Amino acid sequence: MHLKNHTYDKKYLVIQTASIGDVILSTAIGEKLIQQYPNAQIDYLVKRGNERLFDGNPWINEIVVWDKSNDKYKNMLRIIFQFRDEKYDAVINLQRFFSSGIFTMFSGAKKTFGFRKNPLSLFFSRAFPHKFKNNWHETDRNHQLIVKLTDIEKAKPSLYPTMKDFAIMSQYKTQKYITITPASIWFTKQYPIEKWIDFIQNINPKTNIYLLGSTADKKLCDELIKQTDRDYMMNLAGKLSFMESAALMRDAWMNFVNDSAAQHIASAVNGKITAIFCSTVPSFGFGPLSDNSVIIENKEKLECRPCGLHGHKNCPEKHFKCALDIDTKELLDRL
């Protein structure tokens, strides 16, 4: 929030109106800017629903929420006028959609930075390539946009669960535990349920297991509990906030995730991660960033993998070998 009568040395706006994982990764930009300019005003533009990812964040000034579900263009115009009043020193647009280009172009900022793939990049002060090269992580691609404002050393994404979040989660931390986030919105990015079942049935029966995810994932988690029939397993899908999930994942013995938002939540609190990549590949640049993290994937060189940057609703080749041929022992070895 704005501090009354406070004078900022610099004012920066970061635009990331994409999904949860993208917004989490974008926090590395804010982290770096505030490291370089401790007295800077850092604002963010996100779509409605992702603003809670900044709860507890000590360096954020204001989260501007774009509600695209109701009066989308009226809200866009209102936000643009708000931005123009702020007179930003720079806008850093991490999105490649036309709408984010509109916000950037009409922001009134002294400098505007974005990617060349944005349809309106011609009107930015400087535009950068968004390429999958040299095994760059997405945070490397994003860091290009501020390297002239800072330096070549990038920051890591961070989330900030509060003391209250940790207090609420303390009830689940009385014994050693692991978390499993089994779902993905894309079928081919999700480790199959039969593989999760095989893994869970081979875990020490006294290990506490917490199943995480959104409300939409509750049914899958219930099915895992039903088919494995073991004690010490609890379905928390849809019951925790972003920050409560982060607080739980930070102290887990291990977090098992797909190539999904859960991976980035765990990374942002430096939780231990085992990330399972099915149809996608780490070279796209969306792997885990924790100190203790491992990626598990099919060792066979499949001609069909990757079958796309994002997942599919079904395996295009009808065999789903990229997931089904992963050895359960590789997951168990992480325990």
C-alpha atoms as a PDB file:
ATOM      1  CA  MET A   1       0.000   0.000   0.000  1.00  0.00           C
ATOM      2  CA  HIS A   2       1.075   3.583  -0.534  1.00  0.00           C
ATOM      3  CA  LEU A   3       2.892   5.209   2.370  1.00  0.00           C
ATOM      4  CA  LYS A   4       1.642   8.697   3.166  1.00  0.00           C
ATOM      5  CA  ASN A   5       4.135  11.488   2.593  1.00  0.00           C
ATOM      6  CA  HIS A   6       6.772   8.997   1.467  1.00  0.00           C
ATOM      7  CA  THR A   7       9.036   9.934  -1.413  1.00  0.00           C
ATOM      8  CA  TYR A   8      10.246   7.044  -3.552  1.00  0.00           C
ATOM      9  CA  ASP A   9      13.515   7.171  -5.459  1.00  0.00           C
ATOM     10  CA  LYS A  10      12.069   5.148  -8.329  1.00  0.00           C
ATOM     11  CA  LYS A  11       8.694   3.832  -9.380  1.00  0.00           C
ATOM     12  CA  TYR A  12       8.355   0.517 -11.207  1.00  0.00           C
ATOM     13  CA  LEU A  13       5.381  -1.450 -12.481  1.00  0.00           C
ATOM     14  CA  VAL A  14       5.586  -5.168 -13.290  1.00  0.00           C
ATOM     15  CA  ILE A  15       2.866  -6.658 -15.500  1.00  0.00           C
ATOM     16  CA  GLN A  16       2.136 -10.385 -15.329  1.00  0.00           C
ATOM     17  CA  THR A  17      -1.506 -11.228 -15.998  1.00  0.00           C
ATOM     18  CA  ALA A  18      -0.969 -14.930 -16.759  1.00  0.00           C
ATOM     19  CA  SER A  19      -1.331 -17.992 -14.544  1.00  0.00           C
ATOM     20  CA  ILE A  20      -0.310 -18.709 -10.951  1.00  0.00           C
ATOM     21  CA  GLY A  21       3.075 -20.207 -11.830  1.00  0.00           C
ATOM     22  CA  ASP A  22       3.980 -17.319 -14.137  1.00  0.00           C
ATOM     23  CA  VAL A  23       3.124 -14.778 -11.440  1.00  0.00           C
ATOM     24  CA  ILE A  24       5.236 -16.620  -8.862  1.00  0.00           C
ATOM     25  CA  LEU A  25       8.201 -16.678 -11.252  1.00  0.00           C
ATOM     26  CA  SER A  26       7.710 -12.955 -11.911  1.00  0.00           C
ATOM     27  CA  THR A  27       8.376 -12.155  -8.247  1.00  0.00           C
ATOM     28  CA  ALA A  28      12.079 -12.572  -9.046  1.00  0.00           C
ATOM     29  CA  ILE A  29      11.829  -9.257 -10.929  1.00  0.00           C
ATOM     30  CA  GLY A  30      10.427  -7.430  -7.920  1.00  0.00           C
ATOM     31  CA  GLU A  31      13.019  -9.067  -5.671  1.00  0.00           C
ATOM     32  CA  LYS A  32      15.852  -7.852  -7.889  1.00  0.00           C
ATOM     33  CA  LEU A  33      14.492  -4.334  -8.276  1.00  0.00           C
ATOM     34  CA  ILE A  34      14.078  -3.842  -4.535  1.00  0.00           C
ATOM     35  CA  GLN A  35      17.581  -5.229  -3.921  1.00  0.00           C
ATOM     36  CA  GLN A  36      18.953  -2.662  -6.356  1.00  0.00           C
ATOM     37  CA  TYR A  37      16.682   0.199  -5.287  1.00  0.00           C
ATOM     38  CA  PRO A  38      15.682  -0.287  -1.616  1.00  0.00           C
ATOM     39  CA  ASN A  39      13.587   2.893  -1.660  1.00  0.00           C
ATOM     40  CA  ALA A  40      11.709   2.052  -4.862  1.00  0.00           C
ATOM     41  CA  GLN A  41       7.953   1.774  -5.288  1.00  0.00           C
ATOM     42  CA  ILE A  42       7.195  -1.634  -6.799  1.00  0.00           C
ATOM     43  CA  ASP A  43       3.672  -2.214  -8.102  1.00  0.00           C
ATOM     44  CA  TYR A  44       2.230  -5.264  -9.871  1.00  0.00           C
ATOM     45  CA  LEU A  45      -0.621  -5.796 -12.304  1.00  0.00           C
ATOM     46  CA  VAL A  46      -2.175  -9.285 -12.079  1.00  0.00           C
ATOM     47  CA  LYS A  47      -5.495 -10.829 -13.027  1.00  0.00           C
ATOM     48  CA  ARG A  48      -8.137 -11.375 -10.376  1.00  0.00           C
ATOM     49  CA  GLY A  49      -7.456 -14.432  -8.245  1.00  0.00           C
ATOM     50  CA  ASN A  50      -3.671 -14.129  -8.213  1.00  0.00           C
ATOM     51  CA  GLU A  51      -3.386 -11.105  -5.936  1.00  0.00           C
ATOM     52  CA  ARG A  52      -3.178 -13.352  -2.847  1.00  0.00           C
ATOM     53  CA  LEU A  53       0.216 -14.590  -4.020  1.00  0.00           C
ATOM     54  CA  PHE A  54       1.610 -11.330  -2.646  1.00  0.00           C
ATOM     55  CA  ASP A  55       0.157 -11.709   0.853  1.00  0.00           C
ATOM     56  CA  GLY A  56       2.873 -10.985   3.411  1.00  0.00           C
ATOM     57  CA  ASN A  57       5.250  -9.611   0.783  1.00  0.00           C
ATOM     58  CA  PRO A  58       7.355  -6.901   2.485  1.00  0.00           C
ATOM     59  CA  TRP A  59       8.514  -5.031  -0.600  1.00  0.00           C
ATOM     60  CA  ILE A  60       5.347  -4.762  -2.621  1.00  0.00           C
ATOM     61  CA  ASN A  61       3.670  -1.374  -2.716  1.00  0.00           C
ATOM     62  CA  GLU A  62       0.389  -2.042  -4.483  1.00  0.00           C
ATOM     63  CA  ILE A  63      -1.244  -4.929  -6.322  1.00  0.00           C
ATOM     64  CA  VAL A  64      -3.478  -3.706  -9.119  1.00  0.00           C
ATOM     65  CA  VAL A  65      -6.071  -6.344  -9.990  1.00  0.00           C
ATOM     66  CA  TRP A  66      -7.518  -6.587 -13.466  1.00  0.00           C
ATOM     67  CA  ASP A  67     -10.948  -8.212 -13.399  1.00  0.00           C
ATOM     68  CA  LYS A  68     -11.408  -9.615 -16.892  1.00  0.00           C
ATOM     69  CA  SER A  69     -14.685 -11.374 -16.102  1.00  0.00           C
ATOM     70  CA  ASN A  70     -16.736  -8.231 -15.525  1.00  0.00           C
ATOM     71  CA  ASP A  71     -16.538  -4.997 -17.568  1.00  0.00           C
ATOM     72  CA  LYS A  72     -13.143  -6.088 -18.900  1.00  0.00           C
ATOM     73  CA  TYR A  73     -12.413  -3.042 -21.065  1.00  0.00           C
ATOM     74  CA  LYS A  74     -13.930  -0.541 -18.666  1.00  0.00           C
ATOM     75  CA  ASN A  75     -11.614  -1.898 -15.966  1.00  0.00           C
ATOM     76  CA  MET A  76      -8.691  -1.725 -18.379  1.00  0.00           C
ATOM     77  CA  LEU A  77      -9.332   1.963 -19.048  1.00  0.00           C
ATOM     78  CA  ARG A  78      -9.659   2.741 -15.343  1.00  0.00           C
ATOM     79  CA  ILE A  79      -6.357   0.996 -14.626  1.00  0.00           C
ATOM     80  CA  ILE A  80      -4.564   2.811 -17.448  1.00  0.00           C
ATOM     81  CA  PHE A  81      -5.588   6.181 -15.982  1.00  0.00           C
ATOM     82  CA  GLN A  82      -4.334   4.981 -12.583  1.00  0.00           C
ATOM     83  CA  PHE A  83      -0.975   4.078 -14.112  1.00  0.00           C
ATOM     84  CA  ARG A  84      -0.666   7.428 -15.856  1.00  0.00           C
ATOM     85  CA  ASP A  85      -1.195   9.203 -12.527  1.00  0.00           C
ATOM     86  CA  GLU A  86       1.685   7.223 -10.995  1.00  0.00           C
ATOM     87  CA  LYS A  87       4.241   8.430 -13.592  1.00  0.00           C
ATOM     88  CA  TYR A  88       6.340   5.258 -13.452  1.00  0.00           C
ATOM     89  CA  ASP A  89      10.037   5.355 -14.239  1.00  0.00           C
ATOM     90  CA  ALA A  90       9.650   2.026 -16.011  1.00  0.00           C
ATOM     91  CA  VAL A  91       7.057  -0.611 -16.839  1.00  0.00           C
ATOM     92  CA  ILE A  92       8.310  -4.196 -17.133  1.00  0.00           C
ATOM     93  CA  ASN A  93       5.802  -6.246 -19.114  1.00  0.00           C
ATOM     94  CA  LEU A  94       6.410  -9.988 -18.763  1.00  0.00           C
ATOM     95  CA  GLN A  95       3.313 -10.937 -20.743  1.00  0.00           C
ATOM     96  CA  ARG A  96       3.157 -11.437 -24.495  1.00  0.00           C
ATOM     97  CA  PHE A  97      -0.554 -10.801 -24.987  1.00  0.00           C
ATOM     98  CA  PHE A  98      -2.024  -7.831 -26.835  1.00  0.00           C
ATOM     99  CA  SER A  99      -3.837  -6.606 -23.714  1.00  0.00           C
ATOM    100  CA  SER A 100      -0.622  -6.336 -21.705  1.00  0.00           C
ATOM    101  CA  GLY A 101       0.835  -4.345 -24.606  1.00  0.00           C
ATOM    102  CA  ILE A 102      -2.066  -1.891 -24.314  1.00  0.00           C
ATOM    103  CA  PHE A 103      -1.378  -1.378 -20.606  1.00  0.00           C
ATOM    104  CA  THR A 104       2.314  -0.868 -21.347  1.00  0.00           C
ATOM    105  CA  MET A 105       1.941   1.418 -24.337  1.00  0.00           C
ATOM    106  CA  PHE A 106      -0.539   3.765 -22.641  1.00  0.00           C
ATOM    107  CA  SER A 107       0.999   3.641 -19.130  1.00  0.00           C
ATOM    108  CA  GLY A 108       2.761   6.980 -19.547  1.00  0.00           C
ATOM    109  CA  ALA A 109       5.958   5.478 -18.120  1.00  0.00           C
ATOM    110  CA  LYS A 110       9.330   7.000 -19.000  1.00  0.00           C
ATOM    111  CA  LYS A 111      10.615   3.595 -20.149  1.00  0.00           C
ATOM    112  CA  THR A 112       8.789   0.438 -21.203  1.00  0.00           C
ATOM    113  CA  PHE A 113      10.335  -3.023 -21.512  1.00  0.00           C
ATOM    114  CA  GLY A 114       8.811  -6.209 -22.860  1.00  0.00           C
ATOM    115  CA  PHE A 115       9.190  -9.158 -25.216  1.00  0.00           C
ATOM    116  CA  ARG A 116       9.289  -8.948 -29.005  1.00  0.00           C
ATOM    117  CA  LYS A 117       6.530 -11.535 -29.205  1.00  0.00           C
ATOM    118  CA  ASN A 118       4.114  -8.981 -27.779  1.00  0.00           C
ATOM    119  CA  PRO A 119       2.061  -7.636 -30.738  1.00  0.00           C
ATOM    120  CA  LEU A 120       2.693  -4.048 -29.559  1.00  0.00           C
ATOM    121  CA  SER A 121       6.409  -4.404 -28.806  1.00  0.00           C
ATOM    122  CA  LEU A 122       7.169  -1.926 -31.602  1.00  0.00           C
ATOM    123  CA  PHE A 123       5.959   0.774 -29.233  1.00  0.00           C
ATOM    124  CA  PHE A 124       8.107  -0.305 -26.257  1.00  0.00           C
ATOM    125  CA  SER A 125      11.334   1.489 -25.366  1.00  0.00           C
ATOM    126  CA  ARG A 126      13.093  -1.839 -25.735  1.00  0.00           C
ATOM    127  CA  ALA A 127      11.936  -5.336 -26.633  1.00  0.00           C
ATOM    128  CA  PHE A 128      13.749  -8.607 -25.993  1.00  0.00           C
ATOM    129  CA  PRO A 129      13.621 -12.115 -27.473  1.00  0.00           C
ATOM    130  CA  HIS A 130      11.657 -14.802 -25.660  1.00  0.00           C
ATOM    131  CA  LYS A 131      13.622 -17.844 -26.759  1.00  0.00           C
ATOM    132  CA  PHE A 132      14.192 -21.310 -25.380  1.00  0.00           C
ATOM    133  CA  LYS A 133      17.967 -21.286 -25.626  1.00  0.00           C
ATOM    134  CA  ASN A 134      20.932 -22.599 -23.675  1.00  0.00           C
ATOM    135  CA  ASN A 135      18.574 -24.218 -21.146  1.00  0.00           C
ATOM    136  CA  TRP A 136      17.570 -20.802 -19.878  1.00  0.00           C
ATOM    137  CA  HIS A 137      15.045 -20.756 -17.070  1.00  0.00           C
ATOM    138  CA  GLU A 138      12.021 -18.500 -17.419  1.00  0.00           C
ATOM    139  CA  THR A 139      13.581 -16.303 -14.735  1.00  0.00           C
ATOM    140  CA  ASP A 140      16.591 -15.797 -17.037  1.00  0.00           C
ATOM    141  CA  ARG A 141      14.332 -14.737 -19.888  1.00  0.00           C
ATOM    142  CA  ASN A 142      12.479 -12.334 -17.617  1.00  0.00           C
ATOM    143  CA  HIS A 143      15.700 -10.934 -16.158  1.00  0.00           C
ATOM    144  CA  GLN A 144      16.756  -9.689 -19.609  1.00  0.00           C
ATOM    145  CA  LEU A 145      14.154  -6.954 -19.272  1.00  0.00           C
ATOM    146  CA  ILE A 146      15.788  -5.376 -16.216  1.00  0.00           C
ATOM    147  CA  VAL A 147      19.466  -6.142 -16.708  1.00  0.00           C
ATOM    148  CA  LYS A 148      20.136  -2.529 -17.749  1.00  0.00           C
ATOM    149  CA  LEU A 149      18.279  -1.302 -14.675  1.00  0.00           C
ATOM    150  CA  THR A 150      20.146  -3.660 -12.332  1.00  0.00           C
ATOM    151  CA  ASP A 151      22.974  -6.073 -13.254  1.00  0.00           C
ATOM    152  CA  ILE A 152      23.468  -9.546 -14.703  1.00  0.00           C
ATOM    153  CA  GLU A 153      22.838 -11.436 -11.451  1.00  0.00           C
ATOM    154  CA  LYS A 154      19.218 -12.526 -11.267  1.00  0.00           C
ATOM    155  CA  ALA A 155      17.149 -12.998  -8.121  1.00  0.00           C
ATOM    156  CA  LYS A 156      15.017 -15.989  -7.163  1.00  0.00           C
ATOM    157  CA  PRO A 157      11.219 -15.969  -6.932  1.00  0.00           C
ATOM    158  CA  SER A 158       9.910 -15.677  -3.380  1.00  0.00           C
ATOM    159  CA  LEU A 159       6.641 -16.042  -1.496  1.00  0.00           C
ATOM    160  CA  TYR A 160       6.164 -14.797   2.058  1.00  0.00           C
ATOM    161  CA  PRO A 161       3.859 -16.880   4.254  1.00  0.00           C
ATOM    162  CA  THR A 162       3.045 -14.962   7.434  1.00  0.00           C
ATOM    163  CA  MET A 163       3.437 -16.041  11.047  1.00  0.00           C
ATOM    164  CA  LYS A 164      -0.299 -16.715  11.010  1.00  0.00           C
ATOM    165  CA  ASP A 165       0.073 -19.054   8.019  1.00  0.00           C
ATOM    166  CA  PHE A 166       2.815 -20.996   9.792  1.00  0.00           C
ATOM    167  CA  ALA A 167       0.765 -21.111  13.000  1.00  0.00           C
ATOM    168  CA  ILE A 168      -2.242 -22.557  11.155  1.00  0.00           C
ATOM    169  CA  MET A 169      -0.047 -25.163   9.459  1.00  0.00           C
ATOM    170  CA  SER A 170       1.749 -26.142  12.670  1.00  0.00           C
ATOM    171  CA  GLN A 171      -1.005 -28.692  13.434  1.00  0.00           C
ATOM    172  CA  TYR A 172       0.183 -30.737  10.444  1.00  0.00           C
ATOM    173  CA  LYS A 173       3.861 -30.620  11.354  1.00  0.00           C
ATOM    174  CA  THR A 174       3.975 -32.658  14.544  1.00  0.00           C
ATOM    175  CA  GLN A 175       5.584 -35.572  12.647  1.00  0.00           C
ATOM    176  CA  LYS A 176       7.704 -35.908   9.518  1.00  0.00           C
ATOM    177  CA  TYR A 177       5.548 -35.551   6.422  1.00  0.00           C
ATOM    178  CA  ILE A 178       5.560 -35.319   2.655  1.00  0.00           C
ATOM    179  CA  THR A 179       3.192 -33.505   0.336  1.00  0.00           C
ATOM    180  CA  ILE A 180       1.867 -34.760  -2.990  1.00  0.00           C
ATOM    181  CA  THR A 181       0.155 -32.424  -5.442  1.00  0.00           C
ATOM    182  CA  PRO A 182      -1.120 -34.989  -7.939  1.00  0.00           C
ATOM    183  CA  ALA A 183      -3.166 -32.909 -10.387  1.00  0.00           C
ATOM    184  CA  SER A 184      -2.607 -30.633 -13.342  1.00  0.00           C
ATOM    185  CA  ILE A 185      -5.074 -28.796 -15.548  1.00  0.00           C
ATOM    186  CA  TRP A 186      -3.461 -30.643 -18.483  1.00  0.00           C
ATOM    187  CA  PHE A 187      -3.752 -34.425 -18.761  1.00  0.00           C
ATOM    188  CA  THR A 188      -0.320 -34.915 -20.332  1.00  0.00           C
ATOM    189  CA  LYS A 189       1.425 -32.896 -17.599  1.00  0.00           C
ATOM    190  CA  GLN A 190      -0.185 -34.972 -14.846  1.00  0.00           C
ATOM    191  CA  TYR A 191       1.446 -38.123 -13.499  1.00  0.00           C
ATOM    192  CA  PRO A 192      -1.241 -40.822 -13.992  1.00  0.00           C
ATOM    193  CA  ILE A 193      -3.369 -41.858 -11.034  1.00  0.00           C
ATOM    194  CA  GLU A 194      -2.243 -45.498 -11.293  1.00  0.00           C
ATOM    195  CA  LYS A 195       1.373 -44.344 -11.000  1.00  0.00           C
ATOM    196  CA  TRP A 196       0.582 -42.209  -7.941  1.00  0.00           C
ATOM    197  CA  ILE A 197      -1.180 -45.206  -6.394  1.00  0.00           C
ATOM    198  CA  ASP A 198       1.828 -47.447  -6.985  1.00  0.00           C
ATOM    199  CA  PHE A 199       4.108 -44.850  -5.425  1.00  0.00           C
ATOM    200  CA  ILE A 200       1.915 -44.236  -2.370  1.00  0.00           C
ATOM    201  CA  GLN A 201       1.479 -47.944  -1.668  1.00  0.00           C
ATOM    202  CA  ASN A 202       5.254 -48.351  -1.479  1.00  0.00           C
ATOM    203  CA  ILE A 203       5.847 -45.489   0.976  1.00  0.00           C
ATOM    204  CA  ASN A 204       6.480 -46.359   4.620  1.00  0.00           C
ATOM    205  CA  PRO A 205       2.929 -46.742   6.032  1.00  0.00           C
ATOM    206  CA  LYS A 206       3.782 -44.531   9.010  1.00  0.00           C
ATOM    207  CA  THR A 207       4.746 -41.548   6.833  1.00  0.00           C
ATOM    208  CA  ASN A 208       2.284 -38.665   6.957  1.00  0.00           C
ATOM    209  CA  ILE A 209       1.086 -37.741   3.475  1.00  0.00           C
ATOM    210  CA  TYR A 210      -0.778 -34.522   2.688  1.00  0.00           C
ATOM    211  CA  LEU A 211      -2.508 -34.270  -0.682  1.00  0.00           C
ATOM    212  CA  LEU A 212      -2.602 -30.703  -1.983  1.00  0.00           C
ATOM    213  CA  GLY A 213      -4.312 -28.879  -4.828  1.00  0.00           C
ATOM    214  CA  SER A 214      -7.290 -26.709  -5.687  1.00  0.00           C
ATOM    215  CA  THR A 215     -10.958 -27.435  -5.035  1.00  0.00           C
ATOM    216  CA  ALA A 216     -11.102 -28.929  -8.529  1.00  0.00           C
ATOM    217  CA  ASP A 217      -8.478 -31.507  -7.464  1.00  0.00           C
ATOM    218  CA  LYS A 218     -10.385 -32.759  -4.426  1.00  0.00           C
ATOM    219  CA  LYS A 219     -12.057 -35.619  -6.317  1.00  0.00           C
ATOM    220  CA  LEU A 220      -8.729 -36.985  -7.581  1.00  0.00           C
ATOM    221  CA  CYS A 221      -7.242 -36.798  -4.080  1.00  0.00           C
ATOM    222  CA  ASP A 222     -10.271 -38.560  -2.608  1.00  0.00           C
ATOM    223  CA  GLU A 223      -9.804 -41.322  -5.171  1.00  0.00           C
ATOM    224  CA  LEU A 224      -6.146 -41.721  -4.206  1.00  0.00           C
ATOM    225  CA  ILE A 225      -7.106 -42.104  -0.559  1.00  0.00           C
ATOM    226  CA  LYS A 226      -9.822 -44.610  -1.438  1.00  0.00           C
ATOM    227  CA  GLN A 227      -7.615 -46.777  -3.661  1.00  0.00           C
ATOM    228  CA  THR A 228      -4.550 -46.813  -1.417  1.00  0.00           C
ATOM    229  CA  ASP A 229      -6.452 -47.409   1.830  1.00  0.00           C
ATOM    230  CA  ARG A 230      -3.767 -46.326   4.262  1.00  0.00           C
ATOM    231  CA  ASP A 231      -3.572 -44.363   7.470  1.00  0.00           C
ATOM    232  CA  TYR A 232      -1.712 -41.067   7.870  1.00  0.00           C
ATOM    233  CA  MET A 233      -2.963 -39.594   4.586  1.00  0.00           C
ATOM    234  CA  MET A 234      -5.110 -36.458   4.438  1.00  0.00           C
ATOM    235  CA  ASN A 235      -6.804 -34.622   1.571  1.00  0.00           C
ATOM    236  CA  LEU A 236      -6.169 -30.880   1.940  1.00  0.00           C
ATOM    237  CA  ALA A 237      -7.058 -29.991  -1.669  1.00  0.00           C
ATOM    238  CA  GLY A 238      -9.134 -26.810  -1.758  1.00  0.00           C
ATOM    239  CA  LYS A 239      -8.743 -26.224   1.964  1.00  0.00           C
ATOM    240  CA  LEU A 240      -5.558 -24.139   2.032  1.00  0.00           C
ATOM    241  CA  SER A 241      -4.672 -20.687   0.749  1.00  0.00           C
ATOM    242  CA  PHE A 242      -1.637 -20.138  -1.460  1.00  0.00           C
ATOM    243  CA  MET A 243       0.387 -18.996   1.539  1.00  0.00           C
ATOM    244  CA  GLU A 244      -0.765 -21.838   3.799  1.00  0.00           C
ATOM    245  CA  SER A 245       0.272 -24.328   1.114  1.00  0.00           C
ATOM    246  CA  ALA A 246       3.646 -22.573   0.859  1.00  0.00           C
ATOM    247  CA  ALA A 247       4.098 -22.720   4.640  1.00  0.00           C
ATOM    248  CA  LEU A 248       3.352 -26.455   4.637  1.00  0.00           C
ATOM    249  CA  MET A 249       5.601 -27.188   1.658  1.00  0.00           C
ATOM    250  CA  ARG A 250       8.551 -25.270   3.081  1.00  0.00           C
ATOM    251  CA  ASP A 251       9.091 -27.737   5.922  1.00  0.00           C
ATOM    252  CA  ALA A 252       8.083 -30.971   4.199  1.00  0.00           C
ATOM    253  CA  TRP A 253      10.453 -33.935   4.104  1.00  0.00           C
ATOM    254  CA  MET A 254       9.720 -33.871   0.366  1.00  0.00           C
ATOM    255  CA  ASN A 255       7.209 -32.292  -2.020  1.00  0.00           C
ATOM    256  CA  PHE A 256       6.146 -34.397  -5.003  1.00  0.00           C
ATOM    257  CA  VAL A 257       4.699 -32.307  -7.823  1.00  0.00           C
ATOM    258  CA  ASN A 258       3.999 -32.272 -11.547  1.00  0.00           C
ATOM    259  CA  ASP A 259       5.298 -29.596 -13.900  1.00  0.00           C
ATOM    260  CA  SER A 260       2.693 -27.249 -12.449  1.00  0.00           C
ATOM    261  CA  ALA A 261       2.052 -24.249 -10.211  1.00  0.00           C
ATOM    262  CA  ALA A 262       2.691 -26.338  -7.077  1.00  0.00           C
ATOM    263  CA  GLN A 263       6.303 -26.760  -8.180  1.00  0.00           C
ATOM    264  CA  HIS A 264       6.750 -22.978  -8.230  1.00  0.00           C
ATOM    265  CA  ILE A 265       5.034 -22.492  -4.861  1.00  0.00           C
ATOM    266  CA  ALA A 266       7.470 -24.949  -3.267  1.00  0.00           C
ATOM    267  CA  SER A 267      10.430 -23.346  -5.063  1.00  0.00           C
ATOM    268  CA  ALA A 268       9.464 -19.890  -3.826  1.00  0.00           C
ATOM    269  CA  VAL A 269       9.932 -21.015  -0.198  1.00  0.00           C
ATOM    270  CA  ASN A 270      12.943 -23.233  -0.993  1.00  0.00           C
ATOM    271  CA  GLY A 271      11.050 -26.431  -0.151  1.00  0.00           C
ATOM    272  CA  LYS A 272      12.484 -29.803  -1.141  1.00  0.00           C
ATOM    273  CA  ILE A 273      11.113 -30.827  -4.523  1.00  0.00           C
ATOM    274  CA  THR A 274      10.739 -33.901  -6.675  1.00  0.00           C
ATOM    275  CA  ALA A 275       9.189 -32.687  -9.930  1.00  0.00           C
ATOM    276  CA  ILE A 276       7.778 -35.193 -12.415  1.00  0.00           C
ATOM    277  CA  PHE A 277       7.902 -34.078 -16.039  1.00  0.00           C
ATOM    278  CA  CYS A 278       5.700 -36.097 -18.360  1.00  0.00           C
ATOM    279  CA  SER A 279       5.008 -34.563 -21.792  1.00  0.00           C
ATOM    280  CA  THR A 280       6.955 -31.350 -21.176  1.00  0.00           C
ATOM    281  CA  VAL A 281      10.722 -31.035 -20.761  1.00  0.00           C
ATOM    282  CA  PRO A 282      12.943 -29.070 -18.342  1.00  0.00           C
ATOM    283  CA  SER A 283      14.687 -27.304 -21.232  1.00  0.00           C
ATOM    284  CA  PHE A 284      11.570 -25.172 -21.671  1.00  0.00           C
ATOM    285  CA  GLY A 285      12.799 -23.384 -18.560  1.00  0.00           C
ATOM    286  CA  PHE A 286      10.105 -24.013 -15.979  1.00  0.00           C
ATOM    287  CA  GLY A 287      11.895 -26.420 -13.667  1.00  0.00           C
ATOM    288  CA  PRO A 288      12.248 -26.154  -9.868  1.00  0.00           C
ATOM    289  CA  LEU A 289      14.685 -23.663  -8.326  1.00  0.00           C
ATOM    290  CA  SER A 290      14.995 -24.990  -4.766  1.00  0.00           C
ATOM    291  CA  ASP A 291      18.404 -25.917  -3.368  1.00  0.00           C
ATOM    292  CA  ASN A 292      17.209 -29.514  -2.996  1.00  0.00           C
ATOM    293  CA  SER A 293      15.316 -30.325  -6.179  1.00  0.00           C
ATOM    294  CA  VAL A 294      15.309 -33.182  -8.653  1.00  0.00           C
ATOM    295  CA  ILE A 295      13.476 -33.653 -11.928  1.00  0.00           C
ATOM    296  CA  ILE A 296      12.230 -37.141 -12.773  1.00  0.00           C
ATOM    297  CA  GLU A 297      11.366 -37.948 -16.377  1.00  0.00           C
ATOM    298  CA  ASN A 298      11.299 -40.837 -18.819  1.00  0.00           C
ATOM    299  CA  LYS A 299      14.868 -41.816 -19.670  1.00  0.00           C
ATOM    300  CA  GLU A 300      13.893 -43.091 -23.120  1.00  0.00           C
ATOM    301  CA  LYS A 301      14.349 -40.722 -26.062  1.00  0.00           C
ATOM    302  CA  LEU A 302      10.786 -40.472 -27.311  1.00  0.00           C
ATOM    303  CA  GLU A 303      10.387 -38.825 -30.715  1.00  0.00           C
ATOM    304  CA  CYS A 304       7.020 -37.449 -29.644  1.00  0.00           C
ATOM    305  CA  ARG A 305       8.363 -35.715 -26.528  1.00  0.00           C
ATOM    306  CA  PRO A 306       7.868 -32.869 -25.976  1.00  0.00           C
ATOM    307  CA  CYS A 307       4.530 -32.768 -27.757  1.00  0.00           C
ATOM    308  CA  GLY A 308       4.137 -29.041 -27.059  1.00  0.00           C
ATOM    309  CA  LEU A 309       5.071 -26.178 -24.790  1.00  0.00           C
ATOM    310  CA  HIS A 310       1.971 -26.791 -22.681  1.00  0.00           C
ATOM    311  CA  GLY A 311       0.061 -29.958 -21.980  1.00  0.00           C
ATOM    312  CA  HIS A 312      -2.727 -31.653 -23.938  1.00  0.00           C
ATOM    313  CA  LYS A 313      -6.073 -33.075 -22.883  1.00  0.00           C
ATOM    314  CA  ASN A 314      -5.004 -36.441 -24.276  1.00  0.00           C
ATOM    315  CA  CYS A 315      -1.778 -38.092 -25.406  1.00  0.00           C
ATOM    316  CA  PRO A 316      -1.496 -37.326 -29.140  1.00  0.00           C
ATOM    317  CA  GLU A 317       0.154 -40.748 -29.694  1.00  0.00           C
ATOM    318  CA  LYS A 318      -2.377 -42.618 -27.504  1.00  0.00           C
ATOM    319  CA  HIS A 319       0.332 -44.405 -25.471  1.00  0.00           C
ATOM    320  CA  PHE A 320       1.418 -41.790 -22.865  1.00  0.00           C
ATOM    321  CA  LYS A 321       4.808 -43.489 -22.503  1.00  0.00           C
ATOM    322  CA  CYS A 322       6.420 -40.280 -21.265  1.00  0.00           C
ATOM    323  CA  ALA A 323       4.554 -40.795 -17.981  1.00  0.00           C
ATOM    324  CA  LEU A 324       3.674 -44.476 -17.785  1.00  0.00           C
ATOM    325  CA  ASP A 325       7.263 -45.663 -18.300  1.00  0.00           C
ATOM    326  CA  ILE A 326       8.705 -43.686 -15.383  1.00  0.00           C
ATOM    327  CA  ASP A 327      10.028 -46.060 -12.730  1.00  0.00           C
ATOM    328  CA  THR A 328       8.328 -45.653  -9.332  1.00  0.00           C
ATOM    329  CA  LYS A 329      11.639 -46.481  -7.684  1.00  0.00           C
ATOM    330  CA  GLU A 330      12.995 -43.092  -8.796  1.00  0.00           C
ATOM    331  CA  LEU A 331      10.347 -41.364  -6.689  1.00  0.00           C
ATOM    332  CA  LEU A 332      10.923 -43.692  -3.738  1.00  0.00           C
ATOM    333  CA  ASP A 333      14.667 -43.041  -3.880  1.00  0.00           C
ATOM    334  CA  ARG A 334      13.931 -39.401  -2.996  1.00  0.00           C
ATOM    335  CA  LEU A 335      12.715 -40.636   0.398  1.00  0.00           C
END
